């Protein structure tokens, strides 16, 4: 397949992806009458928070991803109790809960008992992307908040950063997402950071060899060695343009500068490498596809046996007297 034909194919798949919704289709105008100021409230609050702390933008995007991959996008990641998803190993570095709580308070003032925490998190992830220069997309609404949240499910269902591409594809396909969604949504790593602790095995003892991962660019490896003198330190996922939503992430993969193993493997696997190559040189294509894949991600809905609820406090299920 030529580069041009691959690009055309990607445009086609993106268009299909944007319309590939299942029986849980959600409307865009769900709150048009009951809470018409919802989007303006979320947008204003996200601008305020990201202005104070840029790192909250990728944090909110990641929080949304974790929520949707466990029980669908039902706000279960926000519940705080013993044994909840928030206490899972997969969740220990999640941030941004206070942002959602702040937005929820403002939304409750304007539209009491109307907007779910799941919908607020989904909208916040969109506006977090916009706040750092990423694309805008319309958010479908109407999600309900779940009442079940377990650490066990989070640790079983959320990728940890060391899986093979085949494992990741199985994860994504189980949620109705495809190989294109995998590569495109991984592009969210164009911003954000991770702990040096999660990189120790790649830097010093890859596959038990007591040597670094040979895929790592030599200069990049030296850079990481200097940045990660302590496991508790943080390092940017994109060392070149860490605060810019762009296609540098894909260019880094081509140079052996993918920080997470799951990222770098996207450029060595024949199922994903051509997509990485195409996106690396086409920022407009990446942005349009990222928007489409985020809508698909936000549309992941599992069946709620109790029908769900609209939580008054995002960290707790409603009391029986609600």
C-alpha atoms as a PDB file:
ATOM      1  CA  UNK A   1       0.000   0.000   0.000  1.00  0.00           C
ATOM      2  CA  UNK A   2       1.399   3.397  -0.984  1.00  0.00           C
ATOM      3  CA  UNK A   3       1.584   6.292   1.449  1.00  0.00           C
ATOM      4  CA  UNK A   4      -1.188   8.140  -0.408  1.00  0.00           C
ATOM      5  CA  UNK A   5      -3.507   5.124  -0.487  1.00  0.00           C
ATOM      6  CA  UNK A   6      -2.829   4.494   3.209  1.00  0.00           C
ATOM      7  CA  UNK A   7      -3.816   8.072   3.972  1.00  0.00           C
ATOM      8  CA  UNK A   8      -7.049   7.674   2.004  1.00  0.00           C
ATOM      9  CA  UNK A   9      -7.747   4.438   3.846  1.00  0.00           C
ATOM     10  CA  UNK A  10      -7.232   6.148   7.180  1.00  0.00           C
ATOM     11  CA  UNK A  11      -9.674   8.903   6.248  1.00  0.00           C
ATOM     12  CA  UNK A  12     -12.239   6.259   5.294  1.00  0.00           C
ATOM     13  CA  UNK A  13     -11.764   4.255   8.491  1.00  0.00           C
ATOM     14  CA  UNK A  14     -12.004   7.453  10.544  1.00  0.00           C
ATOM     15  CA  UNK A  15     -15.330   8.284   8.936  1.00  0.00           C
ATOM     16  CA  UNK A  16     -16.607   4.781   9.602  1.00  0.00           C
ATOM     17  CA  UNK A  17     -15.298   4.895  13.175  1.00  0.00           C
ATOM     18  CA  UNK A  18     -17.186   8.102  13.878  1.00  0.00           C
ATOM     19  CA  UNK A  19     -20.489   6.456  12.946  1.00  0.00           C
ATOM     20  CA  UNK A  20     -19.778   2.989  14.376  1.00  0.00           C
ATOM     21  CA  UNK A  21     -22.006   3.328  17.441  1.00  0.00           C
ATOM     22  CA  UNK A  22     -23.870   0.401  18.949  1.00  0.00           C
ATOM     23  CA  UNK A  23     -27.234   0.116  20.647  1.00  0.00           C
ATOM     24  CA  UNK A  24     -26.114   2.523  23.360  1.00  0.00           C
ATOM     25  CA  UNK A  25     -26.117   5.558  21.066  1.00  0.00           C
ATOM     26  CA  UNK A  26     -26.258   8.777  23.050  1.00  0.00           C
ATOM     27  CA  UNK A  27     -27.771  12.084  21.887  1.00  0.00           C
ATOM     28  CA  UNK A  28     -25.824  15.317  21.616  1.00  0.00           C
ATOM     29  CA  UNK A  29     -28.753  17.425  22.839  1.00  0.00           C
ATOM     30  CA  UNK A  30     -29.583  15.452  25.993  1.00  0.00           C
ATOM     31  CA  UNK A  31     -29.193  18.509  28.252  1.00  0.00           C
ATOM     32  CA  UNK A  32     -30.289  21.182  25.784  1.00  0.00           C
ATOM     33  CA  UNK A  33     -33.396  21.935  27.865  1.00  0.00           C
ATOM     34  CA  UNK A  34     -32.572  20.573  31.317  1.00  0.00           C
ATOM     35  CA  UNK A  35     -29.068  22.068  31.594  1.00  0.00           C
ATOM     36  CA  UNK A  36     -28.254  24.385  28.669  1.00  0.00           C
ATOM     37  CA  UNK A  37     -25.264  25.949  30.479  1.00  0.00           C
ATOM     38  CA  UNK A  38     -23.483  22.633  31.110  1.00  0.00           C
ATOM     39  CA  UNK A  39     -20.861  22.946  28.393  1.00  0.00           C
ATOM     40  CA  UNK A  40     -20.003  26.554  29.200  1.00  0.00           C
ATOM     41  CA  UNK A  41     -19.530  25.644  32.874  1.00  0.00           C
ATOM     42  CA  UNK A  42     -17.237  22.712  32.076  1.00  0.00           C
ATOM     43  CA  UNK A  43     -15.267  24.736  29.532  1.00  0.00           C
ATOM     44  CA  UNK A  44     -14.706  27.658  31.896  1.00  0.00           C
ATOM     45  CA  UNK A  45     -13.696  25.425  34.792  1.00  0.00           C
ATOM     46  CA  UNK A  46     -11.274  23.383  32.689  1.00  0.00           C
ATOM     47  CA  UNK A  47      -9.607  26.545  31.402  1.00  0.00           C
ATOM     48  CA  UNK A  48      -9.146  27.728  34.995  1.00  0.00           C
ATOM     49  CA  UNK A  49      -7.694  24.443  36.230  1.00  0.00           C
ATOM     50  CA  UNK A  50      -5.349  23.868  33.278  1.00  0.00           C
ATOM     51  CA  UNK A  51      -4.106  27.448  33.519  1.00  0.00           C
ATOM     52  CA  UNK A  52      -3.097  26.726  37.129  1.00  0.00           C
ATOM     53  CA  UNK A  53      -1.661  23.273  36.389  1.00  0.00           C
ATOM     54  CA  UNK A  54      -1.024  22.204  32.798  1.00  0.00           C
ATOM     55  CA  UNK A  55      -0.515  18.576  33.823  1.00  0.00           C
ATOM     56  CA  UNK A  56      -4.179  18.293  34.771  1.00  0.00           C
ATOM     57  CA  UNK A  57      -5.099  18.182  31.067  1.00  0.00           C
ATOM     58  CA  UNK A  58      -3.500  14.789  30.366  1.00  0.00           C
ATOM     59  CA  UNK A  59      -4.578  13.665  33.837  1.00  0.00           C
ATOM     60  CA  UNK A  60      -8.262  14.227  32.983  1.00  0.00           C
ATOM     61  CA  UNK A  61      -7.887  12.477  29.640  1.00  0.00           C
ATOM     62  CA  UNK A  62      -6.334   9.487  31.390  1.00  0.00           C
ATOM     63  CA  UNK A  63      -9.008   9.498  34.091  1.00  0.00           C
ATOM     64  CA  UNK A  64     -11.690   9.303  31.403  1.00  0.00           C
ATOM     65  CA  UNK A  65      -9.892   6.414  29.689  1.00  0.00           C
ATOM     66  CA  UNK A  66      -9.659   4.443  32.942  1.00  0.00           C
ATOM     67  CA  UNK A  67     -13.327   5.081  33.650  1.00  0.00           C
ATOM     68  CA  UNK A  68     -14.496   3.849  30.263  1.00  0.00           C
ATOM     69  CA  UNK A  69     -12.364   0.706  30.207  1.00  0.00           C
ATOM     70  CA  UNK A  70     -13.911  -0.594  33.437  1.00  0.00           C
ATOM     71  CA  UNK A  71     -17.712  -1.058  33.316  1.00  0.00           C
ATOM     72  CA  UNK A  72     -18.026   1.507  30.548  1.00  0.00           C
ATOM     73  CA  UNK A  73     -18.131   5.285  30.991  1.00  0.00           C
ATOM     74  CA  UNK A  74     -20.195   5.262  34.178  1.00  0.00           C
ATOM     75  CA  UNK A  75     -18.126   7.396  36.553  1.00  0.00           C
ATOM     76  CA  UNK A  76     -17.181   4.323  38.609  1.00  0.00           C
ATOM     77  CA  UNK A  77     -13.537   5.481  38.743  1.00  0.00           C
ATOM     78  CA  UNK A  78     -14.712   8.484  40.787  1.00  0.00           C
ATOM     79  CA  UNK A  79     -16.215   6.444  43.628  1.00  0.00           C
ATOM     80  CA  UNK A  80     -14.084   6.531  46.754  1.00  0.00           C
ATOM     81  CA  UNK A  81     -14.462   3.650  49.190  1.00  0.00           C
ATOM     82  CA  UNK A  82     -12.427   0.688  50.351  1.00  0.00           C
ATOM     83  CA  UNK A  83     -11.730  -1.620  47.422  1.00  0.00           C
ATOM     84  CA  UNK A  84     -12.960   0.807  44.731  1.00  0.00           C
ATOM     85  CA  UNK A  85     -11.252   1.347  41.372  1.00  0.00           C
ATOM     86  CA  UNK A  86      -9.434   4.339  42.847  1.00  0.00           C
ATOM     87  CA  UNK A  87      -7.535   1.989  45.176  1.00  0.00           C
ATOM     88  CA  UNK A  88      -6.317  -0.313  42.382  1.00  0.00           C
ATOM     89  CA  UNK A  89      -2.659  -0.580  41.384  1.00  0.00           C
ATOM     90  CA  UNK A  90      -3.705   0.579  37.914  1.00  0.00           C
ATOM     91  CA  UNK A  91      -5.152   3.750  39.455  1.00  0.00           C
ATOM     92  CA  UNK A  92      -2.473   4.762  41.934  1.00  0.00           C
ATOM     93  CA  UNK A  93      -1.130   7.624  39.792  1.00  0.00           C
ATOM     94  CA  UNK A  94      -4.519   8.916  38.602  1.00  0.00           C
ATOM     95  CA  UNK A  95      -5.179  12.597  39.257  1.00  0.00           C
ATOM     96  CA  UNK A  96      -7.847  15.208  38.622  1.00  0.00           C
ATOM     97  CA  UNK A  97     -10.591  14.010  40.948  1.00  0.00           C
ATOM     98  CA  UNK A  98     -10.746  17.433  42.576  1.00  0.00           C
ATOM     99  CA  UNK A  99     -11.387  19.002  39.170  1.00  0.00           C
ATOM    100  CA  UNK A 100     -14.454  16.846  38.596  1.00  0.00           C
ATOM    101  CA  UNK A 101     -15.704  17.595  42.112  1.00  0.00           C
ATOM    102  CA  UNK A 102     -15.318  21.320  41.475  1.00  0.00           C
ATOM    103  CA  UNK A 103     -17.171  21.164  38.167  1.00  0.00           C
ATOM    104  CA  UNK A 104     -19.900  19.040  39.728  1.00  0.00           C
ATOM    105  CA  UNK A 105     -20.522  21.666  42.425  1.00  0.00           C
ATOM    106  CA  UNK A 106     -20.982  24.383  39.806  1.00  0.00           C
ATOM    107  CA  UNK A 107     -23.213  22.218  37.648  1.00  0.00           C
ATOM    108  CA  UNK A 108     -25.385  21.323  40.657  1.00  0.00           C
ATOM    109  CA  UNK A 109     -25.910  25.032  41.338  1.00  0.00           C
ATOM    110  CA  UNK A 110     -27.129  25.585  37.793  1.00  0.00           C
ATOM    111  CA  UNK A 111     -28.946  22.292  37.223  1.00  0.00           C
ATOM    112  CA  UNK A 112     -29.649  20.358  40.446  1.00  0.00           C
ATOM    113  CA  UNK A 113     -29.861  16.552  40.261  1.00  0.00           C
ATOM    114  CA  UNK A 114     -29.619  16.569  36.479  1.00  0.00           C
ATOM    115  CA  UNK A 115     -26.119  15.904  35.105  1.00  0.00           C
ATOM    116  CA  UNK A 116     -24.284  12.665  35.845  1.00  0.00           C
ATOM    117  CA  UNK A 117     -20.675  12.598  36.998  1.00  0.00           C
ATOM    118  CA  UNK A 118     -19.936  10.293  34.062  1.00  0.00           C
ATOM    119  CA  UNK A 119     -21.096  12.970  31.617  1.00  0.00           C
ATOM    120  CA  UNK A 120     -19.100  15.644  33.440  1.00  0.00           C
ATOM    121  CA  UNK A 121     -15.918  13.553  33.238  1.00  0.00           C
ATOM    122  CA  UNK A 122     -16.476  12.912  29.528  1.00  0.00           C
ATOM    123  CA  UNK A 123     -16.960  16.610  28.791  1.00  0.00           C
ATOM    124  CA  UNK A 124     -13.983  17.530  30.968  1.00  0.00           C
ATOM    125  CA  UNK A 125     -11.742  15.168  28.985  1.00  0.00           C
ATOM    126  CA  UNK A 126     -12.816  16.903  25.761  1.00  0.00           C
ATOM    127  CA  UNK A 127     -12.206  20.387  27.144  1.00  0.00           C
ATOM    128  CA  UNK A 128      -8.892  19.278  28.663  1.00  0.00           C
ATOM    129  CA  UNK A 129      -7.806  18.295  25.158  1.00  0.00           C
ATOM    130  CA  UNK A 130      -8.932  21.637  23.744  1.00  0.00           C
ATOM    131  CA  UNK A 131      -7.163  23.530  26.542  1.00  0.00           C
ATOM    132  CA  UNK A 132      -3.778  22.175  25.411  1.00  0.00           C
ATOM    133  CA  UNK A 133      -4.291  22.797  21.703  1.00  0.00           C
ATOM    134  CA  UNK A 134      -6.021  19.572  20.754  1.00  0.00           C
ATOM    135  CA  UNK A 135      -9.167  19.135  18.646  1.00  0.00           C
ATOM    136  CA  UNK A 136     -12.741  19.925  19.652  1.00  0.00           C
ATOM    137  CA  UNK A 137     -15.542  17.402  19.218  1.00  0.00           C
ATOM    138  CA  UNK A 138     -19.214  17.270  20.116  1.00  0.00           C
ATOM    139  CA  UNK A 139     -19.864  15.139  23.203  1.00  0.00           C
ATOM    140  CA  UNK A 140     -22.903  12.834  23.246  1.00  0.00           C
ATOM    141  CA  UNK A 141     -24.653  12.902  26.646  1.00  0.00           C
ATOM    142  CA  UNK A 142     -27.022  10.817  28.723  1.00  0.00           C
ATOM    143  CA  UNK A 143     -24.708   8.486  30.660  1.00  0.00           C
ATOM    144  CA  UNK A 144     -25.783   7.331  34.097  1.00  0.00           C
ATOM    145  CA  UNK A 145     -23.505   6.906  37.086  1.00  0.00           C
ATOM    146  CA  UNK A 146     -22.788   3.341  38.124  1.00  0.00           C
ATOM    147  CA  UNK A 147     -23.001   2.144  41.712  1.00  0.00           C
ATOM    148  CA  UNK A 148     -20.328  -0.580  41.551  1.00  0.00           C
ATOM    149  CA  UNK A 149     -16.572   0.025  41.598  1.00  0.00           C
ATOM    150  CA  UNK A 150     -13.927  -2.624  42.358  1.00  0.00           C
ATOM    151  CA  UNK A 151     -10.139  -2.502  42.351  1.00  0.00           C
ATOM    152  CA  UNK A 152      -9.985  -6.066  41.043  1.00  0.00           C
ATOM    153  CA  UNK A 153     -11.755  -5.142  37.813  1.00  0.00           C
ATOM    154  CA  UNK A 154      -9.536  -2.105  37.285  1.00  0.00           C
ATOM    155  CA  UNK A 155      -6.361  -4.162  37.655  1.00  0.00           C
ATOM    156  CA  UNK A 156      -7.707  -6.776  35.250  1.00  0.00           C
ATOM    157  CA  UNK A 157      -9.057  -4.451  32.559  1.00  0.00           C
ATOM    158  CA  UNK A 158      -6.734  -1.427  32.370  1.00  0.00           C
ATOM    159  CA  UNK A 159      -3.451  -1.751  30.397  1.00  0.00           C
ATOM    160  CA  UNK A 160      -0.419  -1.170  32.632  1.00  0.00           C
ATOM    161  CA  UNK A 161       2.149  -0.101  30.007  1.00  0.00           C
ATOM    162  CA  UNK A 162       4.031  -3.354  29.432  1.00  0.00           C
ATOM    163  CA  UNK A 163       1.564  -5.339  27.308  1.00  0.00           C
ATOM    164  CA  UNK A 164       2.269  -6.598  23.791  1.00  0.00           C
ATOM    165  CA  UNK A 165       0.317  -5.164  20.860  1.00  0.00           C
ATOM    166  CA  UNK A 166      -1.752  -8.349  20.630  1.00  0.00           C
ATOM    167  CA  UNK A 167      -2.799  -7.920  24.261  1.00  0.00           C
ATOM    168  CA  UNK A 168      -3.696  -4.280  23.682  1.00  0.00           C
ATOM    169  CA  UNK A 169      -5.746  -5.129  20.615  1.00  0.00           C
ATOM    170  CA  UNK A 170      -7.689  -7.688  22.634  1.00  0.00           C
ATOM    171  CA  UNK A 171      -8.301  -5.057  25.329  1.00  0.00           C
ATOM    172  CA  UNK A 172      -9.563  -2.549  22.777  1.00  0.00           C
ATOM    173  CA  UNK A 173     -11.609  -4.983  20.712  1.00  0.00           C
ATOM    174  CA  UNK A 174     -13.382  -6.178  23.856  1.00  0.00           C
ATOM    175  CA  UNK A 175     -14.670  -2.608  24.188  1.00  0.00           C
ATOM    176  CA  UNK A 176     -15.726  -2.222  20.568  1.00  0.00           C
ATOM    177  CA  UNK A 177     -12.593  -0.332  19.531  1.00  0.00           C
ATOM    178  CA  UNK A 178     -10.215  -1.296  16.725  1.00  0.00           C
ATOM    179  CA  UNK A 179      -6.547  -1.130  15.737  1.00  0.00           C
ATOM    180  CA  UNK A 180      -6.908   2.426  14.460  1.00  0.00           C
ATOM    181  CA  UNK A 181      -8.441   3.535  17.749  1.00  0.00           C
ATOM    182  CA  UNK A 182      -5.527   1.928  19.591  1.00  0.00           C
ATOM    183  CA  UNK A 183      -2.888   3.859  17.667  1.00  0.00           C
ATOM    184  CA  UNK A 184      -4.839   7.116  17.595  1.00  0.00           C
ATOM    185  CA  UNK A 185      -5.792   7.144  21.282  1.00  0.00           C
ATOM    186  CA  UNK A 186      -2.210   6.249  22.205  1.00  0.00           C
ATOM    187  CA  UNK A 187      -1.399   9.617  20.643  1.00  0.00           C
ATOM    188  CA  UNK A 188      -2.744  11.185  23.843  1.00  0.00           C
ATOM    189  CA  UNK A 189       0.765  10.461  25.129  1.00  0.00           C
ATOM    190  CA  UNK A 190       1.894  13.495  23.170  1.00  0.00           C
ATOM    191  CA  UNK A 191       1.393  15.233  26.532  1.00  0.00           C
ATOM    192  CA  UNK A 192       1.615  14.038  30.111  1.00  0.00           C
ATOM    193  CA  UNK A 193       4.164  12.326  32.339  1.00  0.00           C
ATOM    194  CA  UNK A 194       4.818   8.985  33.989  1.00  0.00           C
ATOM    195  CA  UNK A 195       6.844   7.840  36.966  1.00  0.00           C
ATOM    196  CA  UNK A 196      10.409   6.658  36.550  1.00  0.00           C
ATOM    197  CA  UNK A 197       9.463   3.661  38.679  1.00  0.00           C
ATOM    198  CA  UNK A 198       7.423   2.306  35.775  1.00  0.00           C
ATOM    199  CA  UNK A 199      10.480   2.490  33.488  1.00  0.00           C
ATOM    200  CA  UNK A 200      13.059   0.714  35.635  1.00  0.00           C
ATOM    201  CA  UNK A 201      12.812  -2.600  33.823  1.00  0.00           C
ATOM    202  CA  UNK A 202      13.273  -0.974  30.390  1.00  0.00           C
ATOM    203  CA  UNK A 203      16.243   1.072  31.519  1.00  0.00           C
ATOM    204  CA  UNK A 204      18.166  -1.486  33.534  1.00  0.00           C
ATOM    205  CA  UNK A 205      16.870  -5.043  33.222  1.00  0.00           C
ATOM    206  CA  UNK A 206      14.738  -5.582  30.150  1.00  0.00           C
ATOM    207  CA  UNK A 207      13.408  -9.152  29.988  1.00  0.00           C
ATOM    208  CA  UNK A 208      15.853 -10.173  32.721  1.00  0.00           C
ATOM    209  CA  UNK A 209      18.928  -9.329  30.609  1.00  0.00           C
ATOM    210  CA  UNK A 210      20.298  -6.767  33.083  1.00  0.00           C
ATOM    211  CA  UNK A 211      20.562  -4.488  30.079  1.00  0.00           C
ATOM    212  CA  UNK A 212      18.329  -1.711  28.687  1.00  0.00           C
ATOM    213  CA  UNK A 213      15.686  -2.348  26.050  1.00  0.00           C
ATOM    214  CA  UNK A 214      17.658  -2.361  22.783  1.00  0.00           C
ATOM    215  CA  UNK A 215      14.835  -0.485  21.022  1.00  0.00           C
ATOM    216  CA  UNK A 216      15.634   2.677  22.979  1.00  0.00           C
ATOM    217  CA  UNK A 217      17.613   5.296  21.096  1.00  0.00           C
ATOM    218  CA  UNK A 218      21.091   5.583  22.652  1.00  0.00           C
ATOM    219  CA  UNK A 219      20.917   9.329  23.298  1.00  0.00           C
ATOM    220  CA  UNK A 220      17.388   9.019  24.629  1.00  0.00           C
ATOM    221  CA  UNK A 221      18.523   6.258  26.967  1.00  0.00           C
ATOM    222  CA  UNK A 222      21.236   8.532  28.358  1.00  0.00           C
ATOM    223  CA  UNK A 223      18.671  11.301  28.787  1.00  0.00           C
ATOM    224  CA  UNK A 224      16.353   8.990  30.712  1.00  0.00           C
ATOM    225  CA  UNK A 225      19.231   7.841  32.888  1.00  0.00           C
ATOM    226  CA  UNK A 226      19.830  11.438  33.925  1.00  0.00           C
ATOM    227  CA  UNK A 227      16.139  12.207  34.445  1.00  0.00           C
ATOM    228  CA  UNK A 228      15.381   9.031  36.377  1.00  0.00           C
ATOM    229  CA  UNK A 229      18.016   8.963  39.090  1.00  0.00           C
ATOM    230  CA  UNK A 230      15.202   8.221  41.530  1.00  0.00           C
ATOM    231  CA  UNK A 231      12.222   5.946  40.914  1.00  0.00           C
ATOM    232  CA  UNK A 232       9.923   8.576  42.412  1.00  0.00           C
ATOM    233  CA  UNK A 233      10.808  11.151  39.733  1.00  0.00           C
ATOM    234  CA  UNK A 234       8.527  11.930  36.802  1.00  0.00           C
ATOM    235  CA  UNK A 235       9.492  12.118  33.137  1.00  0.00           C
ATOM    236  CA  UNK A 236       7.608  13.536  30.133  1.00  0.00           C
ATOM    237  CA  UNK A 237       6.019  11.026  27.774  1.00  0.00           C
ATOM    238  CA  UNK A 238       7.174  13.240  24.893  1.00  0.00           C
ATOM    239  CA  UNK A 239      10.678  14.589  25.512  1.00  0.00           C
ATOM    240  CA  UNK A 240      10.624  16.905  22.476  1.00  0.00           C
ATOM    241  CA  UNK A 241       7.349  18.881  22.759  1.00  0.00           C
ATOM    242  CA  UNK A 242       5.966  17.826  26.169  1.00  0.00           C
ATOM    243  CA  UNK A 243       3.371  20.606  26.411  1.00  0.00           C
ATOM    244  CA  UNK A 244       2.110  20.571  22.850  1.00  0.00           C
ATOM    245  CA  UNK A 245      -0.686  18.420  21.465  1.00  0.00           C
ATOM    246  CA  UNK A 246       0.908  17.339  18.190  1.00  0.00           C
ATOM    247  CA  UNK A 247       2.216  14.366  16.189  1.00  0.00           C
ATOM    248  CA  UNK A 248       5.685  14.464  17.759  1.00  0.00           C
ATOM    249  CA  UNK A 249       4.667  11.374  19.742  1.00  0.00           C
ATOM    250  CA  UNK A 250       4.565   9.354  16.513  1.00  0.00           C
ATOM    251  CA  UNK A 251       7.826  10.845  15.270  1.00  0.00           C
ATOM    252  CA  UNK A 252       9.422   9.817  18.546  1.00  0.00           C
ATOM    253  CA  UNK A 253       8.344   6.215  18.012  1.00  0.00           C
ATOM    254  CA  UNK A 254      10.091   6.233  14.644  1.00  0.00           C
ATOM    255  CA  UNK A 255      13.319   7.280  16.385  1.00  0.00           C
ATOM    256  CA  UNK A 256      13.206   4.749  19.222  1.00  0.00           C
ATOM    257  CA  UNK A 257      12.026   7.388  21.671  1.00  0.00           C
ATOM    258  CA  UNK A 258       8.782   5.824  22.815  1.00  0.00           C
ATOM    259  CA  UNK A 259       8.845   6.078  26.589  1.00  0.00           C
ATOM    260  CA  UNK A 260       6.402   3.289  27.426  1.00  0.00           C
ATOM    261  CA  UNK A 261       6.986  -0.158  25.971  1.00  0.00           C
ATOM    262  CA  UNK A 262       3.381  -0.260  24.770  1.00  0.00           C
ATOM    263  CA  UNK A 263       4.054   2.904  22.784  1.00  0.00           C
ATOM    264  CA  UNK A 264       7.313   1.793  21.171  1.00  0.00           C
ATOM    265  CA  UNK A 265       5.880  -1.572  20.150  1.00  0.00           C
ATOM    266  CA  UNK A 266       3.315   0.237  17.998  1.00  0.00           C
ATOM    267  CA  UNK A 267       6.154   1.021  15.591  1.00  0.00           C
ATOM    268  CA  UNK A 268       7.556  -2.513  15.503  1.00  0.00           C
ATOM    269  CA  UNK A 269       4.311  -4.414  14.990  1.00  0.00           C
ATOM    270  CA  UNK A 270       3.239  -4.710  11.316  1.00  0.00           C
ATOM    271  CA  UNK A 271      -0.414  -4.173  12.243  1.00  0.00           C
ATOM    272  CA  UNK A 272       0.204  -0.760  13.760  1.00  0.00           C
ATOM    273  CA  UNK A 273       3.477   0.548  12.293  1.00  0.00           C
ATOM    274  CA  UNK A 274       1.937   1.802   8.997  1.00  0.00           C
ATOM    275  CA  UNK A 275      -0.605   3.841  10.956  1.00  0.00           C
ATOM    276  CA  UNK A 276       2.161   5.368  13.083  1.00  0.00           C
ATOM    277  CA  UNK A 277       4.055   6.295   9.914  1.00  0.00           C
ATOM    278  CA  UNK A 278       1.017   7.919   8.313  1.00  0.00           C
ATOM    279  CA  UNK A 279       0.008   9.920  11.378  1.00  0.00           C
ATOM    280  CA  UNK A 280       3.558  11.135  12.049  1.00  0.00           C
ATOM    281  CA  UNK A 281       3.421  13.426   9.027  1.00  0.00           C
ATOM    282  CA  UNK A 282      -0.244  14.427   9.029  1.00  0.00           C
ATOM    283  CA  UNK A 283      -1.318  16.445  12.071  1.00  0.00           C
ATOM    284  CA  UNK A 284      -4.720  17.335  10.621  1.00  0.00           C
ATOM    285  CA  UNK A 285      -5.513  13.674  10.023  1.00  0.00           C
ATOM    286  CA  UNK A 286      -4.397  12.806  13.553  1.00  0.00           C
ATOM    287  CA  UNK A 287      -6.589  15.471  15.126  1.00  0.00           C
ATOM    288  CA  UNK A 288      -9.717  14.482  13.208  1.00  0.00           C
ATOM    289  CA  UNK A 289      -9.157  10.823  14.005  1.00  0.00           C
ATOM    290  CA  UNK A 290      -8.417  11.542  17.652  1.00  0.00           C
ATOM    291  CA  UNK A 291     -11.749  13.337  17.963  1.00  0.00           C
ATOM    292  CA  UNK A 292     -13.601  10.426  16.329  1.00  0.00           C
ATOM    293  CA  UNK A 293     -11.887   7.836  18.528  1.00  0.00           C
ATOM    294  CA  UNK A 294     -12.588   9.838  21.683  1.00  0.00           C
ATOM    295  CA  UNK A 295     -16.292   9.870  20.811  1.00  0.00           C
ATOM    296  CA  UNK A 296     -16.143   6.086  20.410  1.00  0.00           C
ATOM    297  CA  UNK A 297     -14.315   5.759  23.728  1.00  0.00           C
ATOM    298  CA  UNK A 298     -16.935   7.900  25.450  1.00  0.00           C
ATOM    299  CA  UNK A 299     -19.689   5.754  23.962  1.00  0.00           C
ATOM    300  CA  UNK A 300     -18.531   2.581  25.724  1.00  0.00           C
ATOM    301  CA  UNK A 301     -21.465   1.604  27.915  1.00  0.00           C
ATOM    302  CA  UNK A 302     -21.943  -1.580  29.930  1.00  0.00           C
ATOM    303  CA  UNK A 303     -25.381  -2.676  31.046  1.00  0.00           C
ATOM    304  CA  UNK A 304     -26.321  -1.172  34.423  1.00  0.00           C
ATOM    305  CA  UNK A 305     -28.611  -3.674  36.151  1.00  0.00           C
ATOM    306  CA  UNK A 306     -30.069  -0.998  38.412  1.00  0.00           C
ATOM    307  CA  UNK A 307     -30.369   1.571  35.643  1.00  0.00           C
ATOM    308  CA  UNK A 308     -27.707   3.795  37.161  1.00  0.00           C
ATOM    309  CA  UNK A 309     -28.208   7.136  38.863  1.00  0.00           C
ATOM    310  CA  UNK A 310     -27.195  10.797  38.841  1.00  0.00           C
ATOM    311  CA  UNK A 311     -24.866  11.151  41.815  1.00  0.00           C
ATOM    312  CA  UNK A 312     -25.042  14.251  43.977  1.00  0.00           C
ATOM    313  CA  UNK A 313     -21.462  13.634  45.101  1.00  0.00           C
ATOM    314  CA  UNK A 314     -19.212  12.033  42.501  1.00  0.00           C
ATOM    315  CA  UNK A 315     -17.228  10.148  45.146  1.00  0.00           C
ATOM    316  CA  UNK A 316     -20.241   8.431  46.719  1.00  0.00           C
ATOM    317  CA  UNK A 317     -23.374   6.643  45.586  1.00  0.00           C
ATOM    318  CA  UNK A 318     -26.612   8.360  46.522  1.00  0.00           C
ATOM    319  CA  UNK A 319     -28.243   7.551  49.837  1.00  0.00           C
ATOM    320  CA  UNK A 320     -31.473   5.496  49.820  1.00  0.00           C
ATOM    321  CA  UNK A 321     -33.395   8.653  50.734  1.00  0.00           C
ATOM    322  CA  UNK A 322     -32.200  10.527  47.628  1.00  0.00           C
END
